[in-house]
Amino acid sequence: MRWMGVAVLGCVGSVALAQQVTPEATGTVVGHVYLADTGGPARLAQVALQPVAVKSDERPYVEKRNDPAFRFYRTGLDGSYRMLHVKPGSYYVVVKEPGYLSPFALFANAQLSHPTPDDQQKIAAYLPVVSVIPNNTATMDIHLTRGASLSGTVRFDDGSPVPQINVSVMQKNDKGKWQGLTFATGGNTDDLGHFRITGLLEGNYLLEVGLAVSDEYVDSVLGQVRMASYSYGYLLAYYSGDTARLRDAKPIHLDGSQEMSGADITIPVSKLHVVTGQIVEAGSGRVINSGKVTLVYADEGGEDVASATVEADEPVFRMPFVPEGSYTLKVSDAAEVSREEISNGPGVMPPFHTKETVVRKFGTAGQPLVVTGDVSGVNLTVSPVAKTP
């Protein structure tokens, strides 16, 4: 039992009064989760409650320790679930089951906070709401709809598979731009380059894979890895239709619950080349040791293809795989810097970070580049930026 002491002042001494704090009354939520296509129970599915009053995506940043914590419950072998000590209020019931539509993941916070009429209809169809009343039990049974799926193989044009690469799903947003989806499950290729992505709604999609060069720090090479950190130095995306250009990608249409195979992506390794070079100061030819180089398609409205930064170990930029074509190389954030490695402390990944101090800044620059094979010795010339008085 919890007690609170209250001090009464204004007289000789003080008198302690005991006041009992009544615990907040809560409710219970129970129910079953079923698979709509089989009629059977959803065994060991994850179930959680999300308050209907969802915070907007536009809320100012707050530290994670101030964010609410949500608990997922597992269903039993009969598909049943039971949630105790639930605070009163209205909640969306969220269920996760591989291969089935994840209702809550279909909506951004902004759609739930400020839904349009279309959003309201979609929310009513996919997000059941339960009202929790103190000292009462609410019952909510849920039937999950199986989503569509995409499967295929990622390989190079010499026939070898691309293992352990992520295959992402993209769909157009309300502004007509392709963006990645978060609710689809699966996507990593196996040792033979095979992938299968599930839980998709009916619609048009693109697949995206990223060839990446990254640094990885781990706490063990031969034993079990408990801590790891990653940093990406170069990334080239490829899309459905075997193209590195988003505008040339070929959408894939899925009907509801359709199982589509053969969504293969072939990466033409024979037409990918290495581009290396330096950023140099105009006039003196002095090599600049920091900066970003972006590869852009040369035609009007050209998209960014990839980018690389000047390496700290040696003052060069490297683009290890660039498709054949005509481009513009653009320089930004060029600077002469001093670097200092600072330890992050024991047991932290990565073990150190680099502190950079800018000595001189340089302007932007650009020059054309035609890639038909490996290109080395590219010099991108920049001029110093005059210091502000």
Protein backbone atom coordinates (compact mmCIF):
# COMPACT_ATOMS: atom_id res chain seq x y z
CA MET A 1 0.00 0.00 0.00
CA ARG A 2 1.32 3.45 -0.93
CA TRP A 3 0.96 6.37 1.47
CA MET A 4 1.65 10.07 1.11
CA GLY A 5 2.64 12.27 4.05
CA VAL A 6 1.16 15.81 4.22
CA ALA A 7 2.73 18.39 6.54
CA VAL A 8 0.45 20.97 8.23
CA LEU A 9 2.35 24.20 9.05
CA GLY A 10 1.49 27.32 11.04
CA CYS A 11 1.39 25.80 14.52
CA VAL A 12 3.92 24.60 17.02
CA GLY A 13 5.51 21.49 15.54
CA SER A 14 3.85 19.62 12.71
CA VAL A 15 1.25 16.91 12.32
CA ALA A 16 1.65 14.14 9.73
CA LEU A 17 -1.59 13.17 8.03
CA ALA A 18 -1.81 9.89 6.17
CA GLN A 19 -3.63 9.95 2.84
CA GLN A 20 -4.05 6.81 0.81
CA VAL A 21 -3.37 7.15 -2.92
CA THR A 22 -5.91 5.17 -4.89
CA PRO A 23 -4.31 3.30 -7.78
CA GLU A 24 -5.66 4.14 -11.23
CA ALA A 25 -8.41 1.80 -12.31
CA THR A 26 -7.58 -0.20 -15.44
CA GLY A 27 -9.28 -2.57 -17.79
CA THR A 28 -8.59 -5.79 -19.71
CA VAL A 29 -8.58 -6.55 -23.44
CA VAL A 30 -9.04 -10.12 -24.69
CA GLY A 31 -9.78 -11.75 -28.02
CA HIS A 32 -8.64 -14.05 -30.79
CA VAL A 33 -6.69 -13.46 -33.99
CA TYR A 34 -7.72 -15.52 -37.02
CA LEU A 35 -6.33 -15.95 -40.53
CA ALA A 36 -9.04 -14.91 -42.96
CA ASP A 37 -7.79 -17.11 -45.83
CA THR A 38 -7.70 -20.36 -43.82
CA GLY A 39 -10.10 -19.64 -40.99
CA GLY A 40 -7.50 -21.00 -38.56
CA PRO A 41 -5.88 -19.27 -35.61
CA ALA A 42 -2.92 -16.92 -35.95
CA ARG A 43 -0.51 -18.75 -33.67
CA LEU A 44 2.21 -16.76 -31.88
CA ALA A 45 1.24 -13.55 -33.66
CA GLN A 46 2.20 -10.21 -32.10
CA VAL A 47 -0.58 -7.99 -30.74
CA ALA A 48 -0.24 -4.47 -29.33
CA LEU A 49 -2.38 -1.45 -28.51
CA GLN A 50 -1.76 2.00 -29.97
CA PRO A 51 -3.69 4.97 -28.51
CA VAL A 52 -6.05 6.49 -31.07
CA ALA A 53 -4.65 9.94 -30.21
CA VAL A 54 -1.48 9.48 -32.28
CA LYS A 55 1.21 12.15 -32.20
CA SER A 56 1.96 13.83 -35.51
CA ASP A 57 5.13 13.06 -37.45
CA GLU A 58 5.79 16.81 -37.30
CA ARG A 59 6.22 16.89 -33.52
CA PRO A 60 9.49 18.42 -32.34
CA TYR A 61 12.30 16.05 -31.49
CA VAL A 62 12.25 14.65 -27.96
CA GLU A 63 14.72 12.28 -26.40
CA LYS A 64 13.80 8.64 -26.78
CA ARG A 65 13.60 8.11 -23.03
CA ASN A 66 10.52 10.38 -23.05
CA ASP A 67 8.76 8.39 -25.78
CA PRO A 68 6.08 5.90 -24.73
CA ALA A 69 6.90 2.20 -24.54
CA PHE A 70 4.58 -0.27 -26.27
CA ARG A 71 4.28 -3.92 -25.33
CA PHE A 72 3.64 -6.66 -27.85
CA TYR A 73 1.79 -9.74 -26.62
CA ARG A 74 2.02 -13.17 -28.28
CA THR A 75 -1.11 -15.09 -29.15
CA GLY A 76 -1.50 -18.65 -27.93
CA LEU A 77 -1.74 -21.72 -30.11
CA ASP A 78 -5.47 -21.11 -30.36
CA GLY A 79 -4.89 -17.51 -31.49
CA SER A 80 -6.05 -16.01 -28.20
CA TYR A 81 -4.52 -13.02 -26.45
CA ARG A 82 -5.08 -11.32 -23.09
CA MET A 83 -3.89 -7.85 -22.06
CA LEU A 84 -4.12 -6.85 -18.40
CA HIS A 85 -3.83 -3.48 -16.64
CA VAL A 86 -4.70 -1.38 -19.69
CA LYS A 87 -5.32 2.30 -19.01
CA PRO A 88 -8.80 3.57 -19.96
CA GLY A 89 -9.14 5.00 -23.45
CA SER A 90 -9.55 4.14 -27.12
CA TYR A 91 -6.91 2.05 -28.87
CA TYR A 92 -6.10 0.69 -32.28
CA VAL A 93 -5.43 -3.05 -32.08
CA VAL A 94 -2.26 -3.74 -34.05
CA VAL A 95 -1.33 -7.26 -35.16
CA LYS A 96 1.90 -8.44 -36.81
CA GLU A 97 2.02 -11.76 -38.62
CA PRO A 98 4.46 -12.56 -41.48
CA GLY A 99 2.72 -12.75 -44.84
CA TYR A 100 -0.36 -10.85 -43.67
CA LEU A 101 -1.20 -7.17 -43.91
CA SER A 102 0.10 -5.18 -40.97
CA PRO A 103 -2.70 -2.63 -40.58
CA PHE A 104 -0.98 -0.03 -38.44
CA ALA A 105 2.07 0.05 -40.72
CA LEU A 106 -0.14 1.18 -43.61
CA PHE A 107 -0.52 4.64 -42.11
CA ALA A 108 1.85 7.46 -41.24
CA ASN A 109 1.29 9.23 -37.91
CA ALA A 110 0.08 12.30 -39.81
CA GLN A 111 -2.69 10.24 -41.45
CA LEU A 112 -3.89 9.04 -38.06
CA SER A 113 -3.56 12.49 -36.44
CA HIS A 114 -5.25 14.40 -39.29
CA PRO A 115 -7.01 11.83 -41.50
CA THR A 116 -8.60 12.82 -44.78
CA PRO A 117 -12.01 11.31 -45.68
CA ASP A 118 -10.17 8.61 -47.71
CA ASP A 119 -7.86 7.95 -44.75
CA GLN A 120 -10.87 7.60 -42.45
CA GLN A 121 -12.40 4.93 -44.67
CA LYS A 122 -9.11 3.05 -44.88
CA ILE A 123 -8.56 3.30 -41.12
CA ALA A 124 -12.04 1.94 -40.45
CA ALA A 125 -11.35 -1.01 -42.77
CA TYR A 126 -7.91 -1.97 -41.47
CA LEU A 127 -7.58 -0.70 -37.88
CA PRO A 128 -10.07 -2.07 -35.36
CA VAL A 129 -10.64 0.19 -32.35
CA VAL A 130 -11.29 -1.05 -28.82
CA SER A 131 -12.56 1.10 -25.94
CA VAL A 132 -11.17 0.26 -22.51
CA ILE A 133 -13.37 1.04 -19.49
CA PRO A 134 -12.07 0.82 -15.90
CA ASN A 135 -12.72 -2.52 -14.19
CA ASN A 136 -14.21 -3.99 -17.36
CA THR A 137 -13.10 -6.47 -20.01
CA ALA A 138 -13.28 -5.54 -23.70
CA THR A 139 -13.32 -8.24 -26.36
CA MET A 140 -11.89 -7.78 -29.84
CA ASP A 141 -11.52 -10.58 -32.40
CA ILE A 142 -9.39 -9.85 -35.47
CA HIS A 143 -9.25 -11.50 -38.88
CA LEU A 144 -6.00 -10.98 -40.78
CA THR A 145 -5.93 -10.60 -44.55
CA ARG A 146 -3.09 -12.24 -46.41
CA GLY A 147 -1.10 -9.76 -48.46
CA ALA A 148 0.38 -10.12 -51.91
CA SER A 149 3.99 -11.18 -52.33
CA LEU A 150 6.93 -10.65 -54.68
CA SER A 151 9.75 -13.13 -55.11
CA GLY A 152 12.72 -13.35 -57.41
CA THR A 153 16.50 -13.47 -57.69
CA VAL A 154 19.17 -10.78 -57.72
CA ARG A 155 22.16 -11.74 -59.85
CA PHE A 156 25.00 -10.22 -61.83
CA ASP A 157 24.95 -10.47 -65.62
CA ASP A 158 27.59 -13.22 -65.51
CA GLY A 159 25.02 -15.41 -63.74
CA SER A 160 26.49 -15.26 -60.23
CA PRO A 161 24.03 -14.48 -57.38
CA VAL A 162 24.14 -11.39 -55.19
CA PRO A 163 23.81 -12.78 -51.64
CA GLN A 164 22.95 -10.94 -48.44
CA ILE A 165 21.68 -7.78 -50.13
CA ASN A 166 18.52 -5.95 -49.12
CA VAL A 167 15.67 -5.72 -51.62
CA SER A 168 13.40 -2.78 -50.77
CA VAL A 169 9.87 -2.08 -51.97
CA MET A 170 8.85 1.36 -53.24
CA GLN A 171 5.44 2.86 -53.92
CA LYS A 172 4.28 6.30 -55.05
CA ASN A 173 3.21 8.72 -52.33
CA ASP A 174 0.37 11.24 -52.59
CA LYS A 175 2.73 13.61 -54.46
CA GLY A 176 3.50 11.03 -57.12
CA LYS A 177 7.06 10.34 -55.96
CA TRP A 178 8.44 6.87 -55.35
CA GLN A 179 9.33 6.21 -51.72
CA GLY A 180 10.31 3.18 -49.66
CA LEU A 181 7.74 1.20 -47.68
CA THR A 182 8.31 0.02 -44.12
CA PHE A 183 5.48 -2.47 -43.62
CA ALA A 184 6.58 -5.19 -46.07
CA THR A 185 8.45 -8.11 -44.51
CA GLY A 186 11.39 -10.04 -45.92
CA GLY A 187 13.64 -8.78 -48.67
CA ASN A 188 17.17 -9.95 -47.85
CA THR A 189 18.60 -12.32 -50.44
CA ASP A 190 19.91 -15.73 -49.39
CA ASP A 191 23.15 -17.34 -50.52
CA LEU A 192 21.63 -18.02 -53.97
CA GLY A 193 20.34 -14.47 -54.38
CA HIS A 194 16.69 -15.43 -53.79
CA PHE A 195 14.28 -13.09 -51.98
CA ARG A 196 10.59 -13.05 -51.06
CA ILE A 197 8.70 -9.97 -49.86
CA THR A 198 5.27 -10.41 -48.29
CA GLY A 199 2.44 -8.40 -46.76
CA LEU A 200 1.78 -6.12 -49.75
CA LEU A 201 -1.47 -4.44 -50.71
CA GLU A 202 -2.83 -4.39 -54.24
CA GLY A 203 -1.02 -1.73 -56.27
CA ASN A 204 2.05 -0.78 -58.29
CA TYR A 205 5.52 -1.23 -56.85
CA LEU A 206 9.20 -0.88 -57.65
CA LEU A 207 12.00 -3.02 -56.27
CA GLU A 208 15.29 -1.41 -55.26
CA VAL A 209 18.62 -2.96 -54.35
CA GLY A 210 21.69 -1.07 -53.22
CA LEU A 211 25.28 -2.02 -54.04
CA ALA A 212 27.14 -0.60 -51.07
CA VAL A 213 30.66 -0.15 -49.79
CA SER A 214 30.63 0.11 -46.02
CA ASP A 215 32.85 -0.01 -42.97
CA GLU A 216 31.77 -2.38 -40.22
CA TYR A 217 33.17 -2.52 -36.71
CA VAL A 218 32.41 -5.60 -34.61
CA ASP A 219 33.52 -6.80 -31.18
CA SER A 220 34.39 -10.28 -32.45
CA VAL A 221 35.52 -11.79 -35.74
CA LEU A 222 35.36 -15.51 -34.91
CA GLY A 223 32.93 -15.50 -32.00
CA GLN A 224 29.37 -14.25 -31.59
CA VAL A 225 29.00 -10.57 -32.49
CA ARG A 226 27.31 -8.64 -29.68
CA MET A 227 28.05 -5.11 -30.83
CA ALA A 228 28.48 -3.69 -34.32
CA SER A 229 28.37 -0.38 -36.13
CA TYR A 230 28.18 0.46 -39.84
CA SER A 231 29.02 3.46 -41.99
CA TYR A 232 28.33 3.63 -45.73
CA GLY A 233 30.91 5.22 -47.98
CA TYR A 234 29.29 4.55 -51.37
CA LEU A 235 25.89 3.34 -52.56
CA LEU A 236 24.54 2.66 -56.05
CA ALA A 237 20.87 1.74 -56.41
CA TYR A 238 19.39 -0.62 -59.03
CA TYR A 239 15.67 -0.90 -59.74
CA SER A 240 13.09 -3.16 -61.36
CA GLY A 241 13.84 -3.30 -65.06
CA ASP A 242 17.58 -3.70 -64.45
CA THR A 243 18.36 0.01 -64.44
CA ALA A 244 20.25 2.37 -62.16
CA ARG A 245 17.95 5.20 -63.18
CA LEU A 246 14.71 5.65 -61.27
CA ARG A 247 12.83 7.23 -64.17
CA ASP A 248 13.56 4.16 -66.34
CA ALA A 249 12.46 1.65 -63.70
CA LYS A 250 9.56 -0.66 -64.58
CA PRO A 251 6.70 -0.85 -62.05
CA ILE A 252 5.25 -4.20 -61.02
CA HIS A 253 1.49 -4.49 -60.54
CA LEU A 254 0.09 -6.77 -57.84
CA ASP A 255 -3.48 -7.85 -57.32
CA GLY A 256 -4.78 -8.56 -53.84
CA SER A 257 -3.14 -11.66 -52.25
CA GLN A 258 -1.26 -12.37 -55.51
CA GLU A 259 1.87 -14.52 -55.29
CA MET A 260 4.15 -13.14 -58.00
CA SER A 261 7.44 -14.86 -58.77
CA GLY A 262 10.11 -14.00 -61.30
CA ALA A 263 10.59 -10.40 -60.10
CA ASP A 264 14.29 -10.72 -60.93
CA ILE A 265 16.90 -7.98 -60.99
CA THR A 266 20.09 -8.35 -63.04
CA ILE A 267 23.01 -6.04 -62.31
CA PRO A 268 25.30 -5.57 -65.35
CA VAL A 269 28.66 -5.93 -63.64
CA SER A 270 30.35 -5.89 -67.05
CA LYS A 271 29.17 -2.30 -67.54
CA LEU A 272 30.14 -0.97 -64.10
CA HIS A 273 33.44 0.87 -63.81
CA VAL A 274 35.69 2.49 -61.21
CA VAL A 275 36.10 6.28 -61.06
CA THR A 276 38.78 7.85 -58.86
CA GLY A 277 40.23 11.32 -58.54
CA GLN A 278 41.10 14.28 -56.35
CA ILE A 279 39.84 17.73 -55.45
CA VAL A 280 42.56 20.30 -56.09
CA GLU A 281 42.99 24.01 -55.44
CA ALA A 282 42.87 26.30 -58.49
CA GLY A 283 46.24 27.77 -59.36
CA SER A 284 48.46 25.89 -56.89
CA GLY A 285 47.17 22.38 -57.72
CA ARG A 286 47.27 21.59 -54.00
CA VAL A 287 45.23 18.51 -53.10
CA ILE A 288 42.22 19.20 -50.84
CA ASN A 289 41.72 16.57 -48.11
CA SER A 290 37.95 16.87 -47.51
CA GLY A 291 34.86 17.23 -49.67
CA LYS A 292 31.90 15.48 -51.28
CA VAL A 293 31.70 14.48 -54.94
CA THR A 294 28.28 13.73 -56.45
CA LEU A 295 27.69 11.93 -59.75
CA VAL A 296 24.72 13.39 -61.66
CA TYR A 297 23.22 12.36 -65.01
CA ALA A 298 24.25 14.94 -67.61
CA ASP A 299 20.88 15.40 -69.30
CA GLU A 300 18.33 18.01 -68.25
CA GLY A 301 16.78 17.24 -64.90
CA GLY A 302 19.36 14.54 -64.33
CA GLU A 303 19.09 12.52 -61.15
CA ASP A 304 21.85 12.01 -58.65
CA VAL A 305 23.43 8.61 -59.23
CA ALA A 306 25.77 8.26 -56.28
CA SER A 307 28.21 10.22 -54.15
CA ALA A 308 31.55 9.71 -52.44
CA THR A 309 33.61 11.67 -49.94
CA VAL A 310 37.32 12.30 -49.90
CA GLU A 311 38.84 9.55 -47.79
CA ALA A 312 40.57 10.42 -44.55
CA ASP A 313 43.44 7.96 -45.11
CA GLU A 314 44.44 9.52 -48.44
CA PRO A 315 43.04 12.61 -50.20
CA VAL A 316 41.16 10.83 -53.01
CA PHE A 317 37.54 10.02 -53.81
CA ARG A 318 36.58 6.57 -55.06
CA MET A 319 33.44 5.46 -56.85
CA PRO A 320 33.89 1.68 -57.12
CA PHE A 321 30.98 0.98 -59.49
CA VAL A 322 29.63 3.56 -61.93
CA PRO A 323 27.31 2.64 -64.83
CA GLU A 324 28.40 3.57 -68.34
CA GLY A 325 27.03 6.94 -69.41
CA SER A 326 27.45 10.72 -69.50
CA TYR A 327 27.55 12.58 -66.20
CA THR A 328 28.48 15.72 -64.36
CA LEU A 329 30.75 15.48 -61.31
CA LYS A 330 29.80 18.09 -58.70
CA VAL A 331 31.94 19.13 -55.73
CA SER A 332 30.47 20.44 -52.48
CA ASP A 333 31.70 20.97 -48.91
CA ALA A 334 35.31 21.09 -50.08
CA ALA A 335 37.67 22.08 -47.27
CA GLU A 336 41.15 21.72 -45.94
CA VAL A 337 40.78 20.11 -42.53
CA SER A 338 42.85 18.76 -39.68
CA ARG A 339 41.72 15.45 -38.23
CA GLU A 340 41.99 13.92 -34.78
CA GLU A 341 40.86 10.44 -33.77
CA ILE A 342 39.08 10.43 -30.40
CA SER A 343 38.27 7.28 -28.47
CA ASN A 344 34.60 6.56 -27.78
CA GLY A 345 35.54 4.62 -24.65
CA PRO A 346 35.72 0.91 -23.89
CA GLY A 347 32.92 -1.31 -25.16
CA VAL A 348 31.57 1.23 -27.67
CA MET A 349 31.19 0.66 -31.41
CA PRO A 350 32.82 2.20 -33.34
CA PRO A 351 35.80 2.42 -30.96
CA PHE A 352 36.64 5.99 -32.04
CA HIS A 353 35.34 8.96 -33.98
CA THR A 354 37.14 11.55 -36.04
CA LYS A 355 37.06 15.21 -35.07
CA GLU A 356 37.57 17.54 -38.03
CA THR A 357 38.62 21.17 -37.76
CA VAL A 358 38.17 23.29 -40.89
CA VAL A 359 41.26 25.29 -41.82
CA ARG A 360 40.07 26.66 -45.19
CA LYS A 361 36.84 26.39 -47.16
CA PHE A 362 36.49 26.12 -50.92
CA GLY A 363 33.67 26.79 -53.36
CA THR A 364 31.62 24.38 -55.45
CA ALA A 365 32.60 23.10 -58.88
CA GLY A 366 31.43 20.77 -61.63
CA GLN A 367 32.78 19.16 -64.76
CA PRO A 368 31.55 16.64 -67.34
CA LEU A 369 32.51 12.98 -67.23
CA VAL A 370 31.91 10.23 -69.80
CA VAL A 371 32.28 6.69 -68.48
CA THR A 372 32.93 3.84 -70.92
CA GLY A 373 35.57 2.10 -68.81
CA ASP A 374 37.56 2.66 -65.63
CA VAL A 375 38.48 6.34 -65.10
CA SER A 376 41.33 7.48 -62.84
CA GLY A 377 43.24 10.68 -62.22
CA VAL A 378 40.19 12.98 -62.34
CA ASN A 379 41.07 16.44 -60.96
CA LEU A 380 38.18 18.60 -59.78
CA THR A 381 39.34 22.20 -59.38
CA VAL A 382 37.91 24.49 -56.68
CA SER A 383 38.77 28.01 -55.55
CA PRO A 384 39.12 29.21 -51.93
CA VAL A 385 36.17 30.98 -50.36
CA ALA A 386 37.05 34.48 -49.21
CA LYS A 387 36.83 34.88 -45.45
CA THR A 388 34.08 37.14 -44.17
CA PRO A 389 35.58 40.24 -42.48
